[in-house]
């Protein structure tokens, strides 16, 4: 499973260093987004594993239906069979599903155990769902809290986010949820008004946000970049305009951002974006020099 995660992350890195380096929805997408955490890599592996059961069973049932419709149609079988039972068939269709369910249940329980056995948290952040945006509170020494709303097209220039590839329409936000790479983040999820749900596909995270209740989940991002998710619980007329954006950065960049964000979140975000873009240009120049 670790090899799968490493391969996925290597594929992300090969795309080049840029603010768009991360998983996001693409046109005509059929499968999951590339995994950015070990948990998501396990989820992708489990999906592939279960398909080896689902596809043959579906084809087998289809074949049985076609066989029954052809062989036992009224024209070919005018005198219906009066057979009431067949012991061998009954044993097969009882033991067969039991074996299949066990084969699926064991890795499923292993995955659930991994999801609900988080390592010690390096950081704790509270995410609160509102109609229709998210609020974040960092449980750190300095008080850092801010709201994250969908980026309006008219505000792109003000936030330095004109690149639609990196900041897609309906997914980009004004203030991203910033975390350091390779660190375990404990996420406390709640809501202030109605039901919401915090979902980040590339991280394998999906947690209900319930008013009056504090749910807990976690993630450990293994690749820097900008990741997009959305509220996954129908929460009113603007449910479709409630995106989630998580920016994963180096530890040094995160420390600098956290210090600056205690005074001015928007200024800290602009400085962070500028630093990331500068690093990306440096990498591009170095790559061109090598060529």
C-alpha atoms as a PDB file:
ATOM      1  CA  UNK A   1       0.000   0.000   0.000  1.00  0.00           C
ATOM      2  CA  UNK A   2       2.903   2.321   0.755  1.00  0.00           C
ATOM      3  CA  UNK A   3       4.255   1.693  -2.749  1.00  0.00           C
ATOM      4  CA  UNK A   4       0.915   2.758  -4.231  1.00  0.00           C
ATOM      5  CA  UNK A   5       0.981   5.974  -2.218  1.00  0.00           C
ATOM      6  CA  UNK A   6       4.566   6.713  -3.237  1.00  0.00           C
ATOM      7  CA  UNK A   7       3.726   6.139  -6.882  1.00  0.00           C
ATOM      8  CA  UNK A   8       0.729   8.446  -6.647  1.00  0.00           C
ATOM      9  CA  UNK A   9       2.701  11.203  -4.978  1.00  0.00           C
ATOM     10  CA  UNK A  10       5.512  10.840  -7.514  1.00  0.00           C
ATOM     11  CA  UNK A  11       2.963  11.294 -10.278  1.00  0.00           C
ATOM     12  CA  UNK A  12       1.786  14.513  -8.633  1.00  0.00           C
ATOM     13  CA  UNK A  13       5.317  15.835  -8.293  1.00  0.00           C
ATOM     14  CA  UNK A  14       6.016  15.070 -11.940  1.00  0.00           C
ATOM     15  CA  UNK A  15       3.324  17.552 -12.931  1.00  0.00           C
ATOM     16  CA  UNK A  16       5.639  20.363 -11.925  1.00  0.00           C
ATOM     17  CA  UNK A  17       5.757  22.797  -9.032  1.00  0.00           C
ATOM     18  CA  UNK A  18       2.904  25.279  -9.184  1.00  0.00           C
ATOM     19  CA  UNK A  19      -0.012  26.444  -7.067  1.00  0.00           C
ATOM     20  CA  UNK A  20      -2.184  23.977  -9.026  1.00  0.00           C
ATOM     21  CA  UNK A  21      -0.116  20.982  -7.883  1.00  0.00           C
ATOM     22  CA  UNK A  22      -2.811  19.020  -6.106  1.00  0.00           C
ATOM     23  CA  UNK A  23      -5.922  16.967  -6.649  1.00  0.00           C
ATOM     24  CA  UNK A  24      -9.085  18.593  -7.913  1.00  0.00           C
ATOM     25  CA  UNK A  25     -12.090  17.460  -9.967  1.00  0.00           C
ATOM     26  CA  UNK A  26     -11.511  17.082 -13.706  1.00  0.00           C
ATOM     27  CA  UNK A  27     -13.907  16.787 -16.633  1.00  0.00           C
ATOM     28  CA  UNK A  28     -15.319  13.290 -17.218  1.00  0.00           C
ATOM     29  CA  UNK A  29     -13.662  11.950 -14.082  1.00  0.00           C
ATOM     30  CA  UNK A  30     -14.706   8.369 -13.302  1.00  0.00           C
ATOM     31  CA  UNK A  31     -12.472   7.367 -10.392  1.00  0.00           C
ATOM     32  CA  UNK A  32     -11.174   8.830  -7.171  1.00  0.00           C
ATOM     33  CA  UNK A  33      -8.772  11.749  -7.081  1.00  0.00           C
ATOM     34  CA  UNK A  34      -5.081  10.896  -6.585  1.00  0.00           C
ATOM     35  CA  UNK A  35      -4.346  10.022  -2.979  1.00  0.00           C
ATOM     36  CA  UNK A  36      -2.582  12.653  -0.880  1.00  0.00           C
ATOM     37  CA  UNK A  37      -2.679  10.669   2.371  1.00  0.00           C
ATOM     38  CA  UNK A  38      -1.936   7.086   3.366  1.00  0.00           C
ATOM     39  CA  UNK A  39      -5.592   6.601   4.358  1.00  0.00           C
ATOM     40  CA  UNK A  40      -6.793   7.656   0.908  1.00  0.00           C
ATOM     41  CA  UNK A  41      -4.266   5.303  -0.695  1.00  0.00           C
ATOM     42  CA  UNK A  42      -5.784   2.477   1.349  1.00  0.00           C
ATOM     43  CA  UNK A  43      -9.295   3.529   0.293  1.00  0.00           C
ATOM     44  CA  UNK A  44      -8.255   3.444  -3.375  1.00  0.00           C
ATOM     45  CA  UNK A  45      -6.676   0.031  -2.852  1.00  0.00           C
ATOM     46  CA  UNK A  46      -9.816  -1.285  -1.171  1.00  0.00           C
ATOM     47  CA  UNK A  47     -11.939  -0.001  -4.062  1.00  0.00           C
ATOM     48  CA  UNK A  48      -9.786  -1.913  -6.567  1.00  0.00           C
ATOM     49  CA  UNK A  49      -9.932  -5.007  -4.370  1.00  0.00           C
ATOM     50  CA  UNK A  50     -13.739  -4.982  -4.116  1.00  0.00           C
ATOM     51  CA  UNK A  51     -14.097  -4.551  -7.890  1.00  0.00           C
ATOM     52  CA  UNK A  52     -12.572  -8.034  -8.282  1.00  0.00           C
ATOM     53  CA  UNK A  53     -15.705  -9.315  -6.506  1.00  0.00           C
ATOM     54  CA  UNK A  54     -18.298  -6.884  -7.852  1.00  0.00           C
ATOM     55  CA  UNK A  55     -17.571  -7.315 -11.572  1.00  0.00           C
ATOM     56  CA  UNK A  56     -17.579 -11.171 -11.691  1.00  0.00           C
ATOM     57  CA  UNK A  57     -20.704 -11.347  -9.476  1.00  0.00           C
ATOM     58  CA  UNK A  58     -22.538  -8.842 -11.683  1.00  0.00           C
ATOM     59  CA  UNK A  59     -21.609 -10.740 -14.856  1.00  0.00           C
ATOM     60  CA  UNK A  60     -22.516 -14.082 -13.260  1.00  0.00           C
ATOM     61  CA  UNK A  61     -25.965 -12.857 -12.191  1.00  0.00           C
ATOM     62  CA  UNK A  62     -26.523 -11.350 -15.642  1.00  0.00           C
ATOM     63  CA  UNK A  63     -25.607 -14.671 -17.259  1.00  0.00           C
ATOM     64  CA  UNK A  64     -28.021 -16.536 -14.960  1.00  0.00           C
ATOM     65  CA  UNK A  65     -30.825 -14.116 -15.836  1.00  0.00           C
ATOM     66  CA  UNK A  66     -30.226 -14.519 -19.575  1.00  0.00           C
ATOM     67  CA  UNK A  67     -30.005 -18.305 -19.208  1.00  0.00           C
ATOM     68  CA  UNK A  68     -33.248 -18.460 -17.222  1.00  0.00           C
ATOM     69  CA  UNK A  69     -35.093 -16.195 -19.667  1.00  0.00           C
ATOM     70  CA  UNK A  70     -34.015 -18.266 -22.661  1.00  0.00           C
ATOM     71  CA  UNK A  71     -34.232 -21.816 -21.284  1.00  0.00           C
ATOM     72  CA  UNK A  72     -37.372 -21.417 -19.196  1.00  0.00           C
ATOM     73  CA  UNK A  73     -39.441 -19.184 -21.460  1.00  0.00           C
ATOM     74  CA  UNK A  74     -42.961 -20.405 -22.149  1.00  0.00           C
ATOM     75  CA  UNK A  75     -42.221 -21.357 -25.759  1.00  0.00           C
ATOM     76  CA  UNK A  76     -39.246 -23.587 -24.907  1.00  0.00           C
ATOM     77  CA  UNK A  77     -40.588 -24.920 -21.602  1.00  0.00           C
ATOM     78  CA  UNK A  78     -44.371 -25.315 -21.801  1.00  0.00           C
ATOM     79  CA  UNK A  79     -44.449 -27.603 -18.751  1.00  0.00           C
ATOM     80  CA  UNK A  80     -42.834 -25.781 -15.776  1.00  0.00           C
ATOM     81  CA  UNK A  81     -40.662 -27.766 -13.384  1.00  0.00           C
ATOM     82  CA  UNK A  82     -42.215 -28.608 -10.023  1.00  0.00           C
ATOM     83  CA  UNK A  83     -38.853 -28.813  -8.232  1.00  0.00           C
ATOM     84  CA  UNK A  84     -39.199 -27.253  -4.771  1.00  0.00           C
ATOM     85  CA  UNK A  85     -35.579 -27.329  -3.640  1.00  0.00           C
ATOM     86  CA  UNK A  86     -32.074 -28.533  -4.395  1.00  0.00           C
ATOM     87  CA  UNK A  87     -29.824 -29.169  -1.411  1.00  0.00           C
ATOM     88  CA  UNK A  88     -26.530 -28.697  -3.282  1.00  0.00           C
ATOM     89  CA  UNK A  89     -27.595 -25.370  -4.794  1.00  0.00           C
ATOM     90  CA  UNK A  90     -28.884 -24.155  -1.432  1.00  0.00           C
ATOM     91  CA  UNK A  91     -25.552 -24.982   0.238  1.00  0.00           C
ATOM     92  CA  UNK A  92     -23.637 -23.209  -2.541  1.00  0.00           C
ATOM     93  CA  UNK A  93     -25.720 -20.023  -2.459  1.00  0.00           C
ATOM     94  CA  UNK A  94     -25.438 -19.916   1.335  1.00  0.00           C
ATOM     95  CA  UNK A  95     -21.720 -20.623   1.755  1.00  0.00           C
ATOM     96  CA  UNK A  96     -20.675 -18.643  -1.331  1.00  0.00           C
ATOM     97  CA  UNK A  97     -21.940 -15.265  -0.102  1.00  0.00           C
ATOM     98  CA  UNK A  98     -20.595 -15.957   3.399  1.00  0.00           C
ATOM     99  CA  UNK A  99     -17.077 -16.534   2.020  1.00  0.00           C
ATOM    100  CA  UNK A 100     -17.328 -13.434  -0.192  1.00  0.00           C
ATOM    101  CA  UNK A 101     -18.538 -11.249   2.678  1.00  0.00           C
ATOM    102  CA  UNK A 102     -15.706 -12.462   4.899  1.00  0.00           C
ATOM    103  CA  UNK A 103     -13.179 -11.708   2.172  1.00  0.00           C
ATOM    104  CA  UNK A 104     -14.546  -8.158   1.941  1.00  0.00           C
ATOM    105  CA  UNK A 105     -15.120  -7.620   5.671  1.00  0.00           C
ATOM    106  CA  UNK A 106     -11.585  -8.370   6.876  1.00  0.00           C
ATOM    107  CA  UNK A 107      -9.797  -5.676   4.804  1.00  0.00           C
ATOM    108  CA  UNK A 108     -12.749  -3.356   5.416  1.00  0.00           C
ATOM    109  CA  UNK A 109     -12.293  -3.652   9.191  1.00  0.00           C
ATOM    110  CA  UNK A 110      -8.537  -3.092   8.770  1.00  0.00           C
ATOM    111  CA  UNK A 111      -9.258   0.125   6.882  1.00  0.00           C
ATOM    112  CA  UNK A 112     -11.754   1.291   9.508  1.00  0.00           C
ATOM    113  CA  UNK A 113      -9.203   0.564  12.231  1.00  0.00           C
ATOM    114  CA  UNK A 114      -6.618   2.696  10.432  1.00  0.00           C
ATOM    115  CA  UNK A 115      -9.135   5.524   9.972  1.00  0.00           C
ATOM    116  CA  UNK A 116     -10.138   5.550  13.625  1.00  0.00           C
ATOM    117  CA  UNK A 117      -6.652   5.041  15.093  1.00  0.00           C
ATOM    118  CA  UNK A 118      -4.987   8.414  14.501  1.00  0.00           C
ATOM    119  CA  UNK A 119      -1.394   9.063  15.539  1.00  0.00           C
ATOM    120  CA  UNK A 120      -0.701  11.794  18.054  1.00  0.00           C
ATOM    121  CA  UNK A 121      -1.842  15.106  16.612  1.00  0.00           C
ATOM    122  CA  UNK A 122       0.677  17.819  15.786  1.00  0.00           C
ATOM    123  CA  UNK A 123      -2.030  20.445  15.304  1.00  0.00           C
ATOM    124  CA  UNK A 124      -5.708  20.773  16.155  1.00  0.00           C
ATOM    125  CA  UNK A 125      -8.097  22.851  14.052  1.00  0.00           C
ATOM    126  CA  UNK A 126     -11.821  23.382  14.515  1.00  0.00           C
ATOM    127  CA  UNK A 127     -13.914  23.667  11.343  1.00  0.00           C
ATOM    128  CA  UNK A 128     -17.398  25.144  11.687  1.00  0.00           C
ATOM    129  CA  UNK A 129     -19.944  24.999   8.895  1.00  0.00           C
ATOM    130  CA  UNK A 130     -22.201  27.996   8.291  1.00  0.00           C
ATOM    131  CA  UNK A 131     -24.777  28.818   5.643  1.00  0.00           C
ATOM    132  CA  UNK A 132     -22.768  28.899   3.383  1.00  0.00           C
ATOM    133  CA  UNK A 133     -19.079  29.024   4.239  1.00  0.00           C
ATOM    134  CA  UNK A 134     -16.548  27.515   6.632  1.00  0.00           C
ATOM    135  CA  UNK A 135     -14.870  28.990   9.684  1.00  0.00           C
ATOM    136  CA  UNK A 136     -11.515  27.738  10.992  1.00  0.00           C
ATOM    137  CA  UNK A 137     -10.002  28.078  14.446  1.00  0.00           C
ATOM    138  CA  UNK A 138      -6.419  26.946  15.098  1.00  0.00           C
ATOM    139  CA  UNK A 139      -5.855  25.602  18.597  1.00  0.00           C
ATOM    140  CA  UNK A 140      -2.416  27.193  18.933  1.00  0.00           C
ATOM    141  CA  UNK A 141      -0.782  29.703  21.261  1.00  0.00           C
ATOM    142  CA  UNK A 142      -1.557  32.588  18.960  1.00  0.00           C
ATOM    143  CA  UNK A 143      -5.235  33.124  18.217  1.00  0.00           C
ATOM    144  CA  UNK A 144      -5.790  32.365  14.541  1.00  0.00           C
ATOM    145  CA  UNK A 145      -9.348  32.151  13.254  1.00  0.00           C
ATOM    146  CA  UNK A 146     -10.938  33.179   9.978  1.00  0.00           C
ATOM    147  CA  UNK A 147     -13.810  32.523   7.605  1.00  0.00           C
ATOM    148  CA  UNK A 148     -13.357  30.878   4.214  1.00  0.00           C
ATOM    149  CA  UNK A 149     -15.849  31.856   1.507  1.00  0.00           C
ATOM    150  CA  UNK A 150     -16.057  30.939  -2.146  1.00  0.00           C
ATOM    151  CA  UNK A 151     -13.939  33.289  -4.244  1.00  0.00           C
ATOM    152  CA  UNK A 152     -16.041  35.628  -6.338  1.00  0.00           C
ATOM    153  CA  UNK A 153     -14.918  36.116  -9.932  1.00  0.00           C
ATOM    154  CA  UNK A 154     -14.773  39.874  -9.423  1.00  0.00           C
ATOM    155  CA  UNK A 155     -12.341  39.449  -6.511  1.00  0.00           C
ATOM    156  CA  UNK A 156      -9.699  37.330  -8.251  1.00  0.00           C
ATOM    157  CA  UNK A 157      -7.337  40.250  -8.872  1.00  0.00           C
ATOM    158  CA  UNK A 158      -7.625  41.471  -5.280  1.00  0.00           C
ATOM    159  CA  UNK A 159      -6.531  38.078  -3.953  1.00  0.00           C
ATOM    160  CA  UNK A 160      -3.929  37.439  -6.679  1.00  0.00           C
ATOM    161  CA  UNK A 161      -5.801  34.368  -7.886  1.00  0.00           C
ATOM    162  CA  UNK A 162      -6.350  35.022 -11.592  1.00  0.00           C
ATOM    163  CA  UNK A 163      -4.992  31.586 -12.577  1.00  0.00           C
ATOM    164  CA  UNK A 164      -8.197  29.594 -13.112  1.00  0.00           C
ATOM    165  CA  UNK A 165      -6.249  26.316 -13.411  1.00  0.00           C
ATOM    166  CA  UNK A 166      -4.901  26.746  -9.891  1.00  0.00           C
ATOM    167  CA  UNK A 167      -8.021  28.448  -8.508  1.00  0.00           C
ATOM    168  CA  UNK A 168     -11.024  26.887 -10.299  1.00  0.00           C
ATOM    169  CA  UNK A 169     -14.369  28.607 -10.503  1.00  0.00           C
ATOM    170  CA  UNK A 170     -16.762  27.507  -7.729  1.00  0.00           C
ATOM    171  CA  UNK A 171     -13.942  25.745  -5.844  1.00  0.00           C
ATOM    172  CA  UNK A 172     -11.426  28.484  -5.031  1.00  0.00           C
ATOM    173  CA  UNK A 173     -11.840  30.388  -1.758  1.00  0.00           C
ATOM    174  CA  UNK A 174     -10.631  33.698  -0.406  1.00  0.00           C
ATOM    175  CA  UNK A 175      -8.765  32.201   2.591  1.00  0.00           C
ATOM    176  CA  UNK A 176      -7.470  28.640   2.408  1.00  0.00           C
ATOM    177  CA  UNK A 177      -7.171  26.244   5.332  1.00  0.00           C
ATOM    178  CA  UNK A 178      -3.361  26.034   5.646  1.00  0.00           C
ATOM    179  CA  UNK A 179      -1.539  23.008   7.092  1.00  0.00           C
ATOM    180  CA  UNK A 180       2.070  21.735   7.055  1.00  0.00           C
ATOM    181  CA  UNK A 181       3.067  18.719   4.988  1.00  0.00           C
ATOM    182  CA  UNK A 182       3.788  15.469   6.806  1.00  0.00           C
ATOM    183  CA  UNK A 183       2.071  16.540  10.040  1.00  0.00           C
ATOM    184  CA  UNK A 184      -0.989  14.989  11.658  1.00  0.00           C
ATOM    185  CA  UNK A 185      -3.884  17.436  11.866  1.00  0.00           C
ATOM    186  CA  UNK A 186      -6.727  16.697  14.274  1.00  0.00           C
ATOM    187  CA  UNK A 187      -9.892  18.201  12.830  1.00  0.00           C
ATOM    188  CA  UNK A 188     -12.878  19.048  15.012  1.00  0.00           C
ATOM    189  CA  UNK A 189     -15.999  19.466  12.897  1.00  0.00           C
ATOM    190  CA  UNK A 190     -19.262  21.131  13.899  1.00  0.00           C
ATOM    191  CA  UNK A 191     -21.963  23.439  12.500  1.00  0.00           C
ATOM    192  CA  UNK A 192     -23.590  26.634  13.684  1.00  0.00           C
ATOM    193  CA  UNK A 193     -26.962  26.408  11.951  1.00  0.00           C
ATOM    194  CA  UNK A 194     -27.939  23.319   9.916  1.00  0.00           C
ATOM    195  CA  UNK A 195     -26.293  20.040   8.925  1.00  0.00           C
ATOM    196  CA  UNK A 196     -23.154  20.343   6.820  1.00  0.00           C
ATOM    197  CA  UNK A 197     -20.383  17.867   5.957  1.00  0.00           C
ATOM    198  CA  UNK A 198     -16.642  18.443   5.626  1.00  0.00           C
ATOM    199  CA  UNK A 199     -15.327  16.426   2.673  1.00  0.00           C
ATOM    200  CA  UNK A 200     -11.818  16.382   1.181  1.00  0.00           C
ATOM    201  CA  UNK A 201     -11.641  13.560  -1.410  1.00  0.00           C
ATOM    202  CA  UNK A 202      -7.850  13.512  -1.853  1.00  0.00           C
ATOM    203  CA  UNK A 203      -7.399  13.045   1.911  1.00  0.00           C
ATOM    204  CA  UNK A 204     -10.067  10.373   2.374  1.00  0.00           C
ATOM    205  CA  UNK A 205     -11.865  12.680   4.821  1.00  0.00           C
ATOM    206  CA  UNK A 206     -15.624  13.072   5.112  1.00  0.00           C
ATOM    207  CA  UNK A 207     -17.202  14.080   8.405  1.00  0.00           C
ATOM    208  CA  UNK A 208     -20.686  15.360   9.254  1.00  0.00           C
ATOM    209  CA  UNK A 209     -20.940  18.826  10.789  1.00  0.00           C
ATOM    210  CA  UNK A 210     -23.837  18.706  13.239  1.00  0.00           C
ATOM    211  CA  UNK A 211     -25.093  21.692  15.284  1.00  0.00           C
ATOM    212  CA  UNK A 212     -24.433  21.137  18.979  1.00  0.00           C
ATOM    213  CA  UNK A 213     -22.096  18.205  18.346  1.00  0.00           C
ATOM    214  CA  UNK A 214     -18.304  18.091  17.930  1.00  0.00           C
ATOM    215  CA  UNK A 215     -17.181  15.318  15.574  1.00  0.00           C
ATOM    216  CA  UNK A 216     -13.524  14.430  15.160  1.00  0.00           C
ATOM    217  CA  UNK A 217     -11.412  13.219  12.249  1.00  0.00           C
ATOM    218  CA  UNK A 218      -7.785  13.566  11.145  1.00  0.00           C
ATOM    219  CA  UNK A 219      -5.472  13.614   8.158  1.00  0.00           C
ATOM    220  CA  UNK A 220      -1.772  13.695   7.345  1.00  0.00           C
ATOM    221  CA  UNK A 221      -1.067  15.193   3.928  1.00  0.00           C
ATOM    222  CA  UNK A 222       2.004  13.727   2.230  1.00  0.00           C
ATOM    223  CA  UNK A 223       2.377  16.183  -0.672  1.00  0.00           C
ATOM    224  CA  UNK A 224       2.403  19.957  -0.856  1.00  0.00           C
ATOM    225  CA  UNK A 225      -0.245  21.620  -2.964  1.00  0.00           C
ATOM    226  CA  UNK A 226      -3.753  23.025  -3.027  1.00  0.00           C
ATOM    227  CA  UNK A 227      -6.592  20.557  -2.496  1.00  0.00           C
ATOM    228  CA  UNK A 228     -10.289  21.087  -3.069  1.00  0.00           C
ATOM    229  CA  UNK A 229     -13.413  19.606  -1.519  1.00  0.00           C
ATOM    230  CA  UNK A 230     -16.978  20.704  -0.860  1.00  0.00           C
ATOM    231  CA  UNK A 231     -19.749  20.535   1.686  1.00  0.00           C
ATOM    232  CA  UNK A 232     -21.351  17.116   1.186  1.00  0.00           C
ATOM    233  CA  UNK A 233     -24.628  17.570   3.046  1.00  0.00           C
ATOM    234  CA  UNK A 234     -27.563  19.389   1.456  1.00  0.00           C
ATOM    235  CA  UNK A 235     -27.689  22.532   3.582  1.00  0.00           C
ATOM    236  CA  UNK A 236     -29.843  25.031   1.724  1.00  0.00           C
ATOM    237  CA  UNK A 237     -30.037  27.070  -1.453  1.00  0.00           C
ATOM    238  CA  UNK A 238     -26.292  27.854  -1.622  1.00  0.00           C
ATOM    239  CA  UNK A 239     -25.088  24.358  -0.765  1.00  0.00           C
ATOM    240  CA  UNK A 240     -23.335  24.155  -4.149  1.00  0.00           C
ATOM    241  CA  UNK A 241     -21.321  27.288  -3.343  1.00  0.00           C
ATOM    242  CA  UNK A 242     -19.621  26.096  -0.159  1.00  0.00           C
ATOM    243  CA  UNK A 243     -16.187  24.817  -1.237  1.00  0.00           C
ATOM    244  CA  UNK A 244     -13.297  23.682   0.938  1.00  0.00           C
ATOM    245  CA  UNK A 245      -9.706  24.498   0.029  1.00  0.00           C
ATOM    246  CA  UNK A 246      -6.724  23.121   1.967  1.00  0.00           C
ATOM    247  CA  UNK A 247      -3.262  24.415   1.165  1.00  0.00           C
ATOM    248  CA  UNK A 248      -0.448  22.074   2.223  1.00  0.00           C
ATOM    249  CA  UNK A 249       2.910  23.821   2.601  1.00  0.00           C
ATOM    250  CA  UNK A 250       6.347  23.192   4.056  1.00  0.00           C
ATOM    251  CA  UNK A 251       6.862  23.499   7.792  1.00  0.00           C
ATOM    252  CA  UNK A 252       8.853  26.735   7.406  1.00  0.00           C
ATOM    253  CA  UNK A 253       6.148  28.291   5.236  1.00  0.00           C
ATOM    254  CA  UNK A 254       3.465  27.201   7.665  1.00  0.00           C
ATOM    255  CA  UNK A 255       5.310  28.636  10.685  1.00  0.00           C
ATOM    256  CA  UNK A 256       5.727  31.965   8.900  1.00  0.00           C
ATOM    257  CA  UNK A 257       2.083  31.959   7.822  1.00  0.00           C
ATOM    258  CA  UNK A 258       0.820  31.087  11.304  1.00  0.00           C
ATOM    259  CA  UNK A 259       2.786  33.937  12.873  1.00  0.00           C
ATOM    260  CA  UNK A 260       1.586  36.461  10.295  1.00  0.00           C
ATOM    261  CA  UNK A 261      -2.003  35.179  10.361  1.00  0.00           C
ATOM    262  CA  UNK A 262      -2.313  36.040  14.038  1.00  0.00           C
ATOM    263  CA  UNK A 263      -2.282  39.714  12.973  1.00  0.00           C
ATOM    264  CA  UNK A 264      -3.752  39.691   9.442  1.00  0.00           C
ATOM    265  CA  UNK A 265      -4.974  36.484   7.767  1.00  0.00           C
ATOM    266  CA  UNK A 266      -5.509  37.961   4.312  1.00  0.00           C
ATOM    267  CA  UNK A 267      -2.039  39.546   4.261  1.00  0.00           C
ATOM    268  CA  UNK A 268      -0.521  36.271   5.490  1.00  0.00           C
ATOM    269  CA  UNK A 269      -2.277  34.404   2.684  1.00  0.00           C
ATOM    270  CA  UNK A 270      -1.062  36.839   0.034  1.00  0.00           C
ATOM    271  CA  UNK A 271       2.509  36.513   1.297  1.00  0.00           C
ATOM    272  CA  UNK A 272       2.206  32.732   1.317  1.00  0.00           C
ATOM    273  CA  UNK A 273       0.895  32.606  -2.258  1.00  0.00           C
ATOM    274  CA  UNK A 274       3.706  34.922  -3.388  1.00  0.00           C
ATOM    275  CA  UNK A 275       6.312  32.721  -1.688  1.00  0.00           C
ATOM    276  CA  UNK A 276       4.914  29.558  -3.270  1.00  0.00           C
ATOM    277  CA  UNK A 277       4.823  31.113  -6.725  1.00  0.00           C
ATOM    278  CA  UNK A 278       8.398  32.350  -6.283  1.00  0.00           C
ATOM    279  CA  UNK A 279       9.523  28.841  -5.325  1.00  0.00           C
ATOM    280  CA  UNK A 280       7.687  27.385  -8.326  1.00  0.00           C
ATOM    281  CA  UNK A 281       9.439  29.803 -10.691  1.00  0.00           C
ATOM    282  CA  UNK A 282      12.791  28.922  -9.130  1.00  0.00           C
ATOM    283  CA  UNK A 283      12.151  25.220  -9.743  1.00  0.00           C
ATOM    284  CA  UNK A 284      11.084  25.898 -13.338  1.00  0.00           C
ATOM    285  CA  UNK A 285      14.209  27.949 -14.007  1.00  0.00           C
ATOM    286  CA  UNK A 286      16.444  25.285 -12.495  1.00  0.00           C
ATOM    287  CA  UNK A 287      14.806  22.611 -14.620  1.00  0.00           C
ATOM    288  CA  UNK A 288      15.280  24.676 -17.779  1.00  0.00           C
ATOM    289  CA  UNK A 289      18.944  25.248 -16.924  1.00  0.00           C
ATOM    290  CA  UNK A 290      19.463  21.508 -16.580  1.00  0.00           C
ATOM    291  CA  UNK A 291      17.896  20.920 -19.970  1.00  0.00           C
END
